[in-house]
């Protein structure tokens, strides 16, 4: 992916607040019909009760935009992360590998190994 395509997709992703998830996916698909269409929406440091779309959410939590995605798209009821903080978790889904494979401290070291293939590749 070149810089121009990244910026175009980032601009489309920023529109998630105005487009429905279905409309956003269709817009991205029209821009690149020859490639897979995958959109990751990552929320950092989200706890068990931190999304108001779930029935077990905390009373003082309000996440209307994420609730809209859940309502119009998909809501996962079971999930797993491979690390307790965001950077190692992102490295895990970005590479498809557990962080312990390159860092015995469970992904707390900065950066990825030189030979790590990422989802973009």
N, C-alpha and C. Protein backbone atom coordinates (compact mmCIF):
# COMPACT_ATOMS: atom_id res chain seq x y z
N UNK A 1 0.85 -1.16 0.00
CA UNK A 1 0.00 0.00 0.00
C UNK A 1 0.90 1.23 0.00
N UNK A 2 0.65 2.13 -0.92
CA UNK A 2 1.45 3.34 -0.98
C UNK A 2 0.84 4.43 -0.09
N UNK A 3 1.53 5.53 0.04
CA UNK A 3 1.09 6.60 0.93
C UNK A 3 -0.24 7.20 0.50
N UNK A 4 -0.42 7.37 -0.80
CA UNK A 4 -1.67 7.94 -1.30
C UNK A 4 -2.86 7.06 -0.96
N UNK A 5 -2.71 5.74 -1.14
CA UNK A 5 -3.81 4.82 -0.83
C UNK A 5 -4.07 4.79 0.67
N UNK A 6 -3.00 4.84 1.47
CA UNK A 6 -3.17 4.86 2.92
C UNK A 6 -3.98 6.09 3.33
N UNK A 7 -3.60 7.26 2.80
CA UNK A 7 -4.31 8.49 3.17
C UNK A 7 -5.77 8.45 2.71
N UNK A 8 -6.01 7.89 1.53
CA UNK A 8 -7.38 7.77 1.03
C UNK A 8 -8.20 6.87 1.96
N UNK A 9 -7.63 5.72 2.33
CA UNK A 9 -8.34 4.81 3.22
C UNK A 9 -8.51 5.40 4.62
N UNK A 10 -7.50 6.15 5.08
CA UNK A 10 -7.62 6.80 6.39
C UNK A 10 -8.73 7.83 6.37
N UNK A 11 -8.84 8.58 5.27
CA UNK A 11 -9.92 9.56 5.15
C UNK A 11 -11.28 8.86 5.14
N UNK A 12 -11.35 7.75 4.44
CA UNK A 12 -12.60 6.99 4.45
C UNK A 12 -12.91 6.46 5.84
N UNK A 13 -11.88 5.96 6.53
CA UNK A 13 -12.09 5.42 7.87
C UNK A 13 -12.50 6.53 8.83
N UNK A 14 -11.98 7.74 8.65
CA UNK A 14 -12.38 8.86 9.51
C UNK A 14 -13.85 9.16 9.33
N UNK A 15 -14.39 8.82 8.19
CA UNK A 15 -15.81 9.03 7.93
C UNK A 15 -16.71 8.05 8.64
N UNK A 16 -16.14 7.14 9.43
CA UNK A 16 -16.94 6.17 10.17
C UNK A 16 -17.92 6.88 11.10
N UNK A 17 -17.63 8.12 11.44
CA UNK A 17 -18.52 8.85 12.33
C UNK A 17 -19.72 9.42 11.59
N UNK A 18 -19.65 9.49 10.25
CA UNK A 18 -20.78 10.01 9.49
C UNK A 18 -21.43 8.95 8.61
N UNK A 19 -20.69 7.94 8.18
CA UNK A 19 -21.23 6.87 7.37
C UNK A 19 -21.64 5.70 8.24
N UNK A 20 -22.58 4.91 7.77
CA UNK A 20 -22.85 3.66 8.46
C UNK A 20 -21.72 2.70 8.11
N UNK A 21 -21.45 1.68 8.89
CA UNK A 21 -20.39 0.73 8.57
C UNK A 21 -20.59 0.07 7.21
N UNK A 22 -21.84 -0.20 6.85
CA UNK A 22 -22.11 -0.83 5.56
C UNK A 22 -21.76 0.13 4.43
N UNK A 23 -22.15 1.40 4.54
CA UNK A 23 -21.84 2.39 3.51
C UNK A 23 -20.33 2.60 3.40
N UNK A 24 -19.64 2.60 4.53
CA UNK A 24 -18.19 2.76 4.52
C UNK A 24 -17.53 1.58 3.81
N UNK A 25 -17.96 0.37 4.13
CA UNK A 25 -17.40 -0.82 3.48
C UNK A 25 -17.65 -0.79 1.98
N UNK A 26 -18.83 -0.36 1.56
CA UNK A 26 -19.14 -0.27 0.14
C UNK A 26 -18.27 0.77 -0.55
N UNK A 27 -18.04 1.91 0.10
CA UNK A 27 -17.20 2.96 -0.48
C UNK A 27 -15.77 2.48 -0.66
N UNK A 28 -15.24 1.79 0.33
CA UNK A 28 -13.88 1.27 0.24
C UNK A 28 -13.81 0.19 -0.84
N UNK A 29 -14.81 -0.68 -0.91
CA UNK A 29 -14.82 -1.74 -1.92
C UNK A 29 -14.84 -1.17 -3.32
N UNK A 30 -15.56 -0.09 -3.54
CA UNK A 30 -15.61 0.53 -4.87
C UNK A 30 -14.27 1.14 -5.25
N UNK A 31 -13.52 1.61 -4.26
CA UNK A 31 -12.24 2.23 -4.56
C UNK A 31 -11.16 1.20 -4.92
N UNK A 32 -11.27 -0.02 -4.43
CA UNK A 32 -10.28 -1.07 -4.70
C UNK A 32 -10.98 -2.42 -4.87
N UNK A 33 -11.78 -2.61 -5.93
CA UNK A 33 -12.53 -3.85 -6.06
C UNK A 33 -11.66 -5.08 -6.31
N UNK A 34 -10.39 -4.90 -6.69
CA UNK A 34 -9.52 -6.02 -7.01
C UNK A 34 -8.76 -6.58 -5.81
N UNK A 35 -8.95 -6.02 -4.63
CA UNK A 35 -8.22 -6.46 -3.45
C UNK A 35 -9.18 -6.80 -2.32
N UNK A 36 -8.73 -7.58 -1.34
CA UNK A 36 -9.59 -7.86 -0.18
C UNK A 36 -9.96 -6.57 0.54
N UNK A 37 -11.14 -6.55 1.09
CA UNK A 37 -11.64 -5.36 1.78
C UNK A 37 -11.73 -5.68 3.27
N UNK A 38 -10.74 -5.23 4.02
CA UNK A 38 -10.69 -5.48 5.46
C UNK A 38 -10.54 -4.14 6.16
N UNK A 39 -11.40 -3.90 7.12
CA UNK A 39 -11.33 -2.67 7.90
C UNK A 39 -11.21 -3.05 9.37
N UNK A 40 -10.12 -2.62 10.01
CA UNK A 40 -9.92 -2.85 11.43
C UNK A 40 -10.30 -1.59 12.18
N UNK A 41 -11.14 -1.73 13.17
CA UNK A 41 -11.44 -0.63 14.07
C UNK A 41 -10.94 -1.08 15.44
N UNK A 42 -9.94 -0.38 15.93
CA UNK A 42 -9.29 -0.77 17.17
C UNK A 42 -9.62 0.24 18.25
N UNK A 43 -10.10 -0.25 19.38
CA UNK A 43 -10.32 0.61 20.54
C UNK A 43 -9.30 0.21 21.59
N UNK A 44 -8.51 1.17 22.01
CA UNK A 44 -7.44 0.89 22.97
C UNK A 44 -7.95 0.82 24.39
N UNK A 45 -7.32 -0.05 25.16
CA UNK A 45 -7.55 -0.15 26.60
C UNK A 45 -9.02 -0.27 26.97
N UNK A 46 -9.73 -1.05 26.21
CA UNK A 46 -11.16 -1.26 26.49
C UNK A 46 -11.32 -2.42 27.45
N UNK A 47 -12.04 -2.19 28.52
CA UNK A 47 -12.27 -3.21 29.51
C UNK A 47 -13.57 -3.96 29.29
N UNK A 48 -13.87 -4.87 30.17
CA UNK A 48 -15.04 -5.74 30.08
C UNK A 48 -16.35 -4.97 30.00
N UNK A 49 -16.47 -3.88 30.72
CA UNK A 49 -17.74 -3.14 30.79
C UNK A 49 -17.65 -1.76 30.13
N UNK A 50 -16.74 -1.60 29.17
CA UNK A 50 -16.48 -0.28 28.58
C UNK A 50 -17.13 -0.02 27.23
N UNK A 51 -18.12 -0.78 26.86
CA UNK A 51 -18.85 -0.55 25.62
C UNK A 51 -20.33 -0.64 25.92
N UNK A 52 -21.06 0.46 25.75
CA UNK A 52 -22.45 0.49 26.19
C UNK A 52 -23.38 -0.39 25.36
N UNK A 53 -22.92 -0.95 24.25
CA UNK A 53 -23.75 -1.87 23.46
C UNK A 53 -23.97 -3.21 24.18
N UNK A 54 -23.10 -3.52 25.11
CA UNK A 54 -23.24 -4.77 25.86
C UNK A 54 -24.18 -4.58 27.05
N UNK A 55 -24.93 -5.61 27.36
CA UNK A 55 -25.86 -5.53 28.48
C UNK A 55 -25.14 -5.42 29.82
N UNK A 56 -23.90 -5.85 29.89
CA UNK A 56 -23.15 -5.82 31.15
C UNK A 56 -22.30 -4.54 31.29
N UNK A 57 -22.55 -3.52 30.47
CA UNK A 57 -21.72 -2.32 30.52
C UNK A 57 -21.96 -1.54 31.81
N UNK A 58 -20.96 -0.74 32.15
CA UNK A 58 -21.08 0.14 33.31
C UNK A 58 -22.14 1.20 33.04
N UNK A 59 -22.83 1.64 34.06
CA UNK A 59 -23.92 2.61 33.89
C UNK A 59 -23.45 3.97 33.37
N UNK A 60 -22.23 4.34 33.71
CA UNK A 60 -21.73 5.65 33.32
C UNK A 60 -20.98 5.66 31.98
N UNK A 61 -21.05 4.56 31.24
CA UNK A 61 -20.38 4.46 29.94
C UNK A 61 -21.35 4.81 28.82
N UNK A 62 -20.89 5.65 27.89
CA UNK A 62 -21.68 5.98 26.70
C UNK A 62 -20.75 5.93 25.49
N UNK A 63 -20.97 4.99 24.60
CA UNK A 63 -20.16 4.84 23.40
C UNK A 63 -21.08 4.80 22.18
N UNK A 64 -21.72 5.91 21.83
CA UNK A 64 -22.73 5.90 20.78
C UNK A 64 -22.21 5.48 19.40
N UNK A 65 -21.01 5.86 19.05
CA UNK A 65 -20.50 5.50 17.72
C UNK A 65 -20.17 4.02 17.64
N UNK A 66 -19.57 3.49 18.68
CA UNK A 66 -19.30 2.05 18.69
C UNK A 66 -20.61 1.27 18.78
N UNK A 67 -21.59 1.81 19.49
CA UNK A 67 -22.90 1.16 19.56
C UNK A 67 -23.55 1.11 18.18
N UNK A 68 -23.37 2.17 17.41
CA UNK A 68 -23.93 2.18 16.05
C UNK A 68 -23.29 1.11 15.17
N UNK A 69 -21.98 0.96 15.29
CA UNK A 69 -21.30 -0.09 14.54
C UNK A 69 -21.82 -1.45 14.97
N UNK A 70 -22.02 -1.63 16.27
CA UNK A 70 -22.56 -2.90 16.78
C UNK A 70 -23.97 -3.15 16.25
N UNK A 71 -24.77 -2.11 16.21
CA UNK A 71 -26.16 -2.23 15.77
C UNK A 71 -26.26 -2.49 14.26
N UNK A 72 -25.44 -1.79 13.47
CA UNK A 72 -25.54 -1.89 12.02
C UNK A 72 -24.56 -2.88 11.41
N UNK A 73 -23.61 -3.32 12.20
CA UNK A 73 -22.59 -4.22 11.68
C UNK A 73 -22.54 -5.51 12.46
N UNK A 74 -21.61 -5.58 13.40
CA UNK A 74 -21.42 -6.81 14.17
C UNK A 74 -21.00 -6.47 15.59
N UNK A 75 -21.45 -7.28 16.52
CA UNK A 75 -21.08 -7.15 17.92
C UNK A 75 -20.52 -8.50 18.38
N UNK A 76 -19.27 -8.50 18.75
CA UNK A 76 -18.65 -9.74 19.21
C UNK A 76 -18.99 -9.97 20.67
N UNK A 77 -19.45 -11.17 20.98
CA UNK A 77 -19.82 -11.48 22.35
C UNK A 77 -18.73 -12.27 23.08
N UNK A 78 -17.73 -12.74 22.35
CA UNK A 78 -16.59 -13.41 22.96
C UNK A 78 -15.34 -12.92 22.25
N UNK A 79 -14.37 -12.49 22.98
CA UNK A 79 -13.16 -11.97 22.38
C UNK A 79 -11.96 -12.33 23.22
N UNK A 80 -10.80 -12.22 22.64
CA UNK A 80 -9.56 -12.56 23.31
C UNK A 80 -8.47 -11.62 22.80
N UNK A 81 -7.67 -11.12 23.68
CA UNK A 81 -6.49 -10.35 23.29
C UNK A 81 -5.26 -11.11 23.73
N UNK A 82 -4.18 -10.90 23.01
CA UNK A 82 -2.97 -11.66 23.31
C UNK A 82 -2.02 -10.93 24.25
N UNK A 83 -2.41 -9.75 24.72
CA UNK A 83 -1.60 -9.00 25.69
C UNK A 83 -2.51 -8.04 26.46
N UNK A 84 -2.12 -7.66 27.66
CA UNK A 84 -2.97 -6.79 28.47
C UNK A 84 -2.93 -5.31 28.10
N UNK A 85 -2.05 -4.91 27.20
CA UNK A 85 -1.96 -3.50 26.77
C UNK A 85 -1.97 -3.43 25.25
N UNK A 86 -2.15 -2.22 24.72
CA UNK A 86 -2.44 -2.07 23.30
C UNK A 86 -1.28 -2.41 22.36
N UNK A 87 -0.07 -1.96 22.60
CA UNK A 87 1.00 -2.15 21.62
C UNK A 87 1.28 -3.62 21.32
N UNK A 88 1.47 -4.47 22.33
CA UNK A 88 1.69 -5.88 22.01
C UNK A 88 0.47 -6.54 21.36
N UNK A 89 -0.74 -6.14 21.76
CA UNK A 89 -1.94 -6.70 21.13
C UNK A 89 -1.99 -6.34 19.66
N UNK A 90 -1.68 -5.09 19.35
CA UNK A 90 -1.66 -4.67 17.95
C UNK A 90 -0.60 -5.44 17.17
N UNK A 91 0.55 -5.62 17.77
CA UNK A 91 1.60 -6.39 17.10
C UNK A 91 1.13 -7.82 16.84
N UNK A 92 0.36 -8.38 17.77
CA UNK A 92 -0.16 -9.74 17.60
C UNK A 92 -1.10 -9.86 16.43
N UNK A 93 -2.13 -8.99 16.32
CA UNK A 93 -3.05 -9.13 15.20
C UNK A 93 -2.44 -8.64 13.91
N UNK A 94 -1.46 -7.75 14.00
CA UNK A 94 -0.80 -7.24 12.80
C UNK A 94 0.11 -8.29 12.16
N UNK A 95 0.67 -9.17 12.98
CA UNK A 95 1.58 -10.20 12.46
C UNK A 95 0.94 -11.59 12.44
N UNK A 96 -0.13 -11.77 13.20
CA UNK A 96 -0.72 -13.09 13.31
C UNK A 96 0.09 -14.03 14.18
N UNK A 97 0.98 -13.48 14.98
CA UNK A 97 1.86 -14.27 15.84
C UNK A 97 1.73 -13.80 17.28
N UNK A 98 1.88 -14.73 18.20
CA UNK A 98 1.96 -14.35 19.61
C UNK A 98 3.27 -13.61 19.84
N UNK A 99 3.22 -12.57 20.66
CA UNK A 99 4.40 -11.76 20.90
C UNK A 99 5.52 -12.55 21.57
N UNK A 100 5.17 -13.57 22.33
CA UNK A 100 6.17 -14.38 23.01
C UNK A 100 7.10 -15.07 22.01
N UNK A 101 6.68 -15.18 20.76
CA UNK A 101 7.53 -15.83 19.75
C UNK A 101 8.78 -15.02 19.44
N UNK A 102 8.73 -13.71 19.61
CA UNK A 102 9.92 -12.90 19.37
C UNK A 102 10.40 -12.16 20.60
N UNK A 103 9.60 -12.17 21.67
CA UNK A 103 9.98 -11.47 22.89
C UNK A 103 9.51 -12.28 24.09
N UNK A 104 10.43 -12.82 24.83
CA UNK A 104 10.06 -13.67 25.96
C UNK A 104 9.32 -12.90 27.06
N UNK A 105 9.38 -11.59 27.04
CA UNK A 105 8.66 -10.77 28.02
C UNK A 105 7.24 -10.47 27.54
N UNK A 106 6.73 -11.28 26.63
CA UNK A 106 5.34 -11.20 26.15
C UNK A 106 5.03 -9.94 25.36
N UNK A 107 5.99 -9.48 24.58
CA UNK A 107 5.72 -8.36 23.69
C UNK A 107 5.94 -6.99 24.28
N UNK A 108 6.64 -6.90 25.39
CA UNK A 108 6.84 -5.59 26.01
C UNK A 108 8.00 -4.84 25.38
N UNK A 109 8.83 -5.52 24.61
CA UNK A 109 9.95 -4.84 23.95
C UNK A 109 9.41 -4.01 22.78
N UNK A 110 10.03 -2.88 22.49
CA UNK A 110 9.52 -2.04 21.40
C UNK A 110 9.81 -2.66 20.03
N UNK A 111 8.88 -2.45 19.12
CA UNK A 111 9.08 -2.83 17.73
C UNK A 111 8.87 -4.29 17.41
N UNK A 112 8.91 -4.56 16.13
CA UNK A 112 8.76 -5.91 15.60
C UNK A 112 10.10 -6.42 15.13
N UNK A 113 10.28 -7.73 15.06
CA UNK A 113 11.52 -8.24 14.50
C UNK A 113 11.61 -7.90 13.01
N UNK A 114 12.81 -7.82 12.49
CA UNK A 114 13.01 -7.45 11.09
C UNK A 114 12.28 -8.39 10.11
N UNK A 115 12.19 -9.67 10.45
CA UNK A 115 11.61 -10.64 9.52
C UNK A 115 10.10 -10.83 9.69
N UNK A 116 9.48 -10.04 10.55
CA UNK A 116 8.03 -10.21 10.80
C UNK A 116 7.22 -9.72 9.61
N UNK A 117 6.37 -10.58 9.08
CA UNK A 117 5.43 -10.20 8.04
C UNK A 117 4.21 -9.61 8.70
N UNK A 118 3.67 -8.53 8.15
CA UNK A 118 2.49 -7.91 8.72
C UNK A 118 1.29 -8.18 7.81
N UNK A 119 0.12 -7.89 8.33
CA UNK A 119 -1.11 -8.12 7.57
C UNK A 119 -1.13 -7.30 6.28
N UNK A 120 -0.48 -6.14 6.30
CA UNK A 120 -0.42 -5.30 5.10
C UNK A 120 0.37 -5.98 3.98
N UNK A 121 1.35 -6.79 4.36
CA UNK A 121 2.14 -7.49 3.35
C UNK A 121 1.40 -8.68 2.81
